[in-house]
Structures are given as structure tokens and as C-alpha cells.
Amino acid sequence: MRVVEEAMELAQSVGCSMLDVDVISEHVFSRPVGNVGQEHAGTLVSLLASATANGLDLGDITRTEIERIWEIPVEKLLEKQAFKNRAGIAKYNRREDNG
């Protein structure tokens, strides 16, 4: 899932170590699976709280990021996707159809 990659990059940017992420991962996966809607909402609320705690306006930085993404040439995006495919990461960014 792409959101996991982004969350890990955010964690890294605020000083979390790989060990911190491993400990959190162990905790999460030791618990029952949550409701997908509630987990989406919880992720957004946590993201808003993190942005606020870091003195950022989530709306402003989201608009800036969307504008930045629209400026990236398609070829560059395809290169990044090919790299992720080779690294075995991209398969986790696709939704599997389970029938």
C-alpha cells in the first residue's frame, strides 16, 4: 500500500528510527483487523494532528504537493514505478480483486 510507504517516510522525517517503526508494526499486527472505513478516518485524523503539531497547515501542504506532482513528467513517474517494480514494492500498491 502506497500509504504505508508515505507514512514511513513521514515517520523518518520527524526522527523515527526503523526500530521505532518495527515496534509499532509488531503492535499493530498483534491486534485484530480494524474496520477499513474507521482506519481511513483514523489515518486522516492522525495526519491532521501530526501536521498541526509540526506547525503545518494540512490543506496548504496538500495543495502544494498536488501541484508538484502535476508538474512531474510522465516519463519520470514511469521510471519511479519501474524502480519500485524491480524492488518488489509496487505489488503492494495494487488493489487485489478477490472476486
C-alpha atoms as a PDB file:
ATOM      1  CA  MET A   1       0.000   0.000   0.000  1.00  0.00           C
ATOM      2  CA  ARG A   2       1.317   3.361  -1.036  1.00  0.00           C
ATOM      3  CA  VAL A   3       0.037   4.970   2.168  1.00  0.00           C
ATOM      4  CA  VAL A   4       2.365   2.756   4.242  1.00  0.00           C
ATOM      5  CA  GLU A   5       5.371   3.955   2.247  1.00  0.00           C
ATOM      6  CA  GLU A   6       4.346   7.592   2.729  1.00  0.00           C
ATOM      7  CA  ALA A   7       3.663   7.085   6.453  1.00  0.00           C
ATOM      8  CA  MET A   8       7.111   5.551   6.894  1.00  0.00           C
ATOM      9  CA  GLU A   9       8.716   8.460   5.029  1.00  0.00           C
ATOM     10  CA  LEU A  10       6.816  10.878   7.285  1.00  0.00           C
ATOM     11  CA  ALA A  11       7.929   8.965  10.379  1.00  0.00           C
ATOM     12  CA  GLN A  12      11.521   9.071   9.167  1.00  0.00           C
ATOM     13  CA  SER A  13      11.283  12.827   8.501  1.00  0.00           C
ATOM     14  CA  VAL A  14      10.266  13.526  12.110  1.00  0.00           C
ATOM     15  CA  GLY A  15      13.004  11.377  13.609  1.00  0.00           C
ATOM     16  CA  CYS A  16      11.535   7.892  13.976  1.00  0.00           C
ATOM     17  CA  SER A  17      14.007   5.086  13.532  1.00  0.00           C
ATOM     18  CA  MET A  18      13.473   1.795  11.736  1.00  0.00           C
ATOM     19  CA  LEU A  19      13.330   0.168  15.172  1.00  0.00           C
ATOM     20  CA  ASP A  20      10.506   2.530  16.184  1.00  0.00           C
ATOM     21  CA  VAL A  21       8.585   1.540  13.053  1.00  0.00           C
ATOM     22  CA  ASP A  22       9.249  -2.168  13.710  1.00  0.00           C
ATOM     23  CA  VAL A  23       7.910  -1.879  17.269  1.00  0.00           C
ATOM     24  CA  ILE A  24       4.774  -0.083  16.056  1.00  0.00           C
ATOM     25  CA  SER A  25       4.320  -2.651  13.274  1.00  0.00           C
ATOM     26  CA  GLU A  26       4.534  -5.538  15.759  1.00  0.00           C
ATOM     27  CA  HIS A  27       1.917  -3.832  17.937  1.00  0.00           C
ATOM     28  CA  VAL A  28      -0.480  -3.183  15.049  1.00  0.00           C
ATOM     29  CA  PHE A  29      -0.269  -6.701  13.647  1.00  0.00           C
ATOM     30  CA  SER A  30      -0.749  -8.263  17.098  1.00  0.00           C
ATOM     31  CA  ARG A  31      -4.258  -6.781  17.228  1.00  0.00           C
ATOM     32  CA  PRO A  32      -7.469  -7.718  15.414  1.00  0.00           C
ATOM     33  CA  VAL A  33      -8.006  -6.300  11.917  1.00  0.00           C
ATOM     34  CA  GLY A  34      -9.848  -2.986  12.030  1.00  0.00           C
ATOM     35  CA  ASN A  35     -12.741  -1.607  10.009  1.00  0.00           C
ATOM     36  CA  VAL A  36     -11.445  -0.159   6.740  1.00  0.00           C
ATOM     37  CA  GLY A  37     -13.616   2.974   6.943  1.00  0.00           C
ATOM     38  CA  GLN A  38     -12.656   3.705  10.524  1.00  0.00           C
ATOM     39  CA  GLU A  39      -8.983   3.095   9.746  1.00  0.00           C
ATOM     40  CA  HIS A  40      -9.116   5.539   6.821  1.00  0.00           C
ATOM     41  CA  ALA A  41     -10.681   8.150   9.084  1.00  0.00           C
ATOM     42  CA  GLY A  42      -8.187   7.470  11.868  1.00  0.00           C
ATOM     43  CA  THR A  43      -5.325   7.858   9.402  1.00  0.00           C
ATOM     44  CA  LEU A  44      -6.641  11.241   8.270  1.00  0.00           C
ATOM     45  CA  VAL A  45      -7.207  12.468  11.828  1.00  0.00           C
ATOM     46  CA  SER A  46      -3.691  11.350  12.798  1.00  0.00           C
ATOM     47  CA  LEU A  47      -2.239  13.074   9.734  1.00  0.00           C
ATOM     48  CA  LEU A  48      -4.050  16.302  10.603  1.00  0.00           C
ATOM     49  CA  ALA A  49      -2.779  16.104  14.193  1.00  0.00           C
ATOM     50  CA  SER A  50       0.785  15.433  13.000  1.00  0.00           C
ATOM     51  CA  ALA A  51       0.716  18.367  10.590  1.00  0.00           C
ATOM     52  CA  THR A  52      -0.678  20.661  13.266  1.00  0.00           C
ATOM     53  CA  ALA A  53       1.921  19.507  15.806  1.00  0.00           C
ATOM     54  CA  ASN A  54       4.630  20.313  13.263  1.00  0.00           C
ATOM     55  CA  GLY A  55       3.240  23.797  12.578  1.00  0.00           C
ATOM     56  CA  LEU A  56       1.882  22.901   9.137  1.00  0.00           C
ATOM     57  CA  ASP A  57      -1.460  23.623   7.504  1.00  0.00           C
ATOM     58  CA  LEU A  58      -2.572  20.300   6.018  1.00  0.00           C
ATOM     59  CA  GLY A  59      -4.707  21.980   3.338  1.00  0.00           C
ATOM     60  CA  ASP A  60      -1.855  24.213   2.187  1.00  0.00           C
ATOM     61  CA  ILE A  61       0.768  21.483   2.062  1.00  0.00           C
ATOM     62  CA  THR A  62      -1.650  19.113   0.311  1.00  0.00           C
ATOM     63  CA  ARG A  63      -2.344  21.664  -2.439  1.00  0.00           C
ATOM     64  CA  THR A  64       1.379  22.316  -2.826  1.00  0.00           C
ATOM     65  CA  GLU A  65       2.110  18.590  -3.144  1.00  0.00           C
ATOM     66  CA  ILE A  66      -0.657  18.047  -5.701  1.00  0.00           C
ATOM     67  CA  GLU A  67       0.695  20.952  -7.768  1.00  0.00           C
ATOM     68  CA  ARG A  68       4.214  19.476  -7.532  1.00  0.00           C
ATOM     69  CA  ILE A  69       3.001  16.055  -8.667  1.00  0.00           C
ATOM     70  CA  TRP A  70       1.165  17.517 -11.674  1.00  0.00           C
ATOM     71  CA  GLU A  71       4.462  19.072 -12.798  1.00  0.00           C
ATOM     72  CA  ILE A  72       6.364  15.758 -12.855  1.00  0.00           C
ATOM     73  CA  PRO A  73       6.832  14.446 -16.391  1.00  0.00           C
ATOM     74  CA  VAL A  74       5.042  11.153 -17.028  1.00  0.00           C
ATOM     75  CA  GLU A  75       8.352   9.543 -18.020  1.00  0.00           C
ATOM     76  CA  LYS A  76       9.781  10.286 -14.566  1.00  0.00           C
ATOM     77  CA  LEU A  77       6.738   8.736 -12.873  1.00  0.00           C
ATOM     78  CA  LEU A  78       7.099   5.640 -15.046  1.00  0.00           C
ATOM     79  CA  GLU A  79      10.792   5.399 -14.109  1.00  0.00           C
ATOM     80  CA  LYS A  80       9.935   5.574 -10.407  1.00  0.00           C
ATOM     81  CA  GLN A  81       7.255   2.906 -10.847  1.00  0.00           C
ATOM     82  CA  ALA A  82       9.676   0.651 -12.740  1.00  0.00           C
ATOM     83  CA  PHE A  83      12.202   1.017  -9.902  1.00  0.00           C
ATOM     84  CA  LYS A  84       9.531   0.039  -7.369  1.00  0.00           C
ATOM     85  CA  ASN A  85       8.550  -2.923  -9.534  1.00  0.00           C
ATOM     86  CA  ARG A  86      12.166  -4.116  -9.565  1.00  0.00           C
ATOM     87  CA  ALA A  87      12.421  -3.617  -5.795  1.00  0.00           C
ATOM     88  CA  GLY A  88       9.240  -5.653  -5.262  1.00  0.00           C
ATOM     89  CA  ILE A  89       7.423  -2.737  -3.639  1.00  0.00           C
ATOM     90  CA  ALA A  90       4.888  -1.874  -6.338  1.00  0.00           C
ATOM     91  CA  LYS A  91       2.915  -5.090  -5.908  1.00  0.00           C
ATOM     92  CA  TYR A  92       1.712  -3.772  -2.563  1.00  0.00           C
ATOM     93  CA  ASN A  93       0.308  -0.635  -4.186  1.00  0.00           C
ATOM     94  CA  ARG A  94      -2.248  -2.544  -6.262  1.00  0.00           C
ATOM     95  CA  ARG A  95      -5.666  -3.499  -5.014  1.00  0.00           C
ATOM     96  CA  GLU A  96      -6.214  -7.185  -5.469  1.00  0.00           C
ATOM     97  CA  ASP A  97      -9.613  -8.241  -6.759  1.00  0.00           C
ATOM     98  CA  ASN A  98     -10.698 -11.147  -4.596  1.00  0.00           C
ATOM     99  CA  GLY A  99     -13.794 -11.878  -6.643  1.00  0.00           C
END
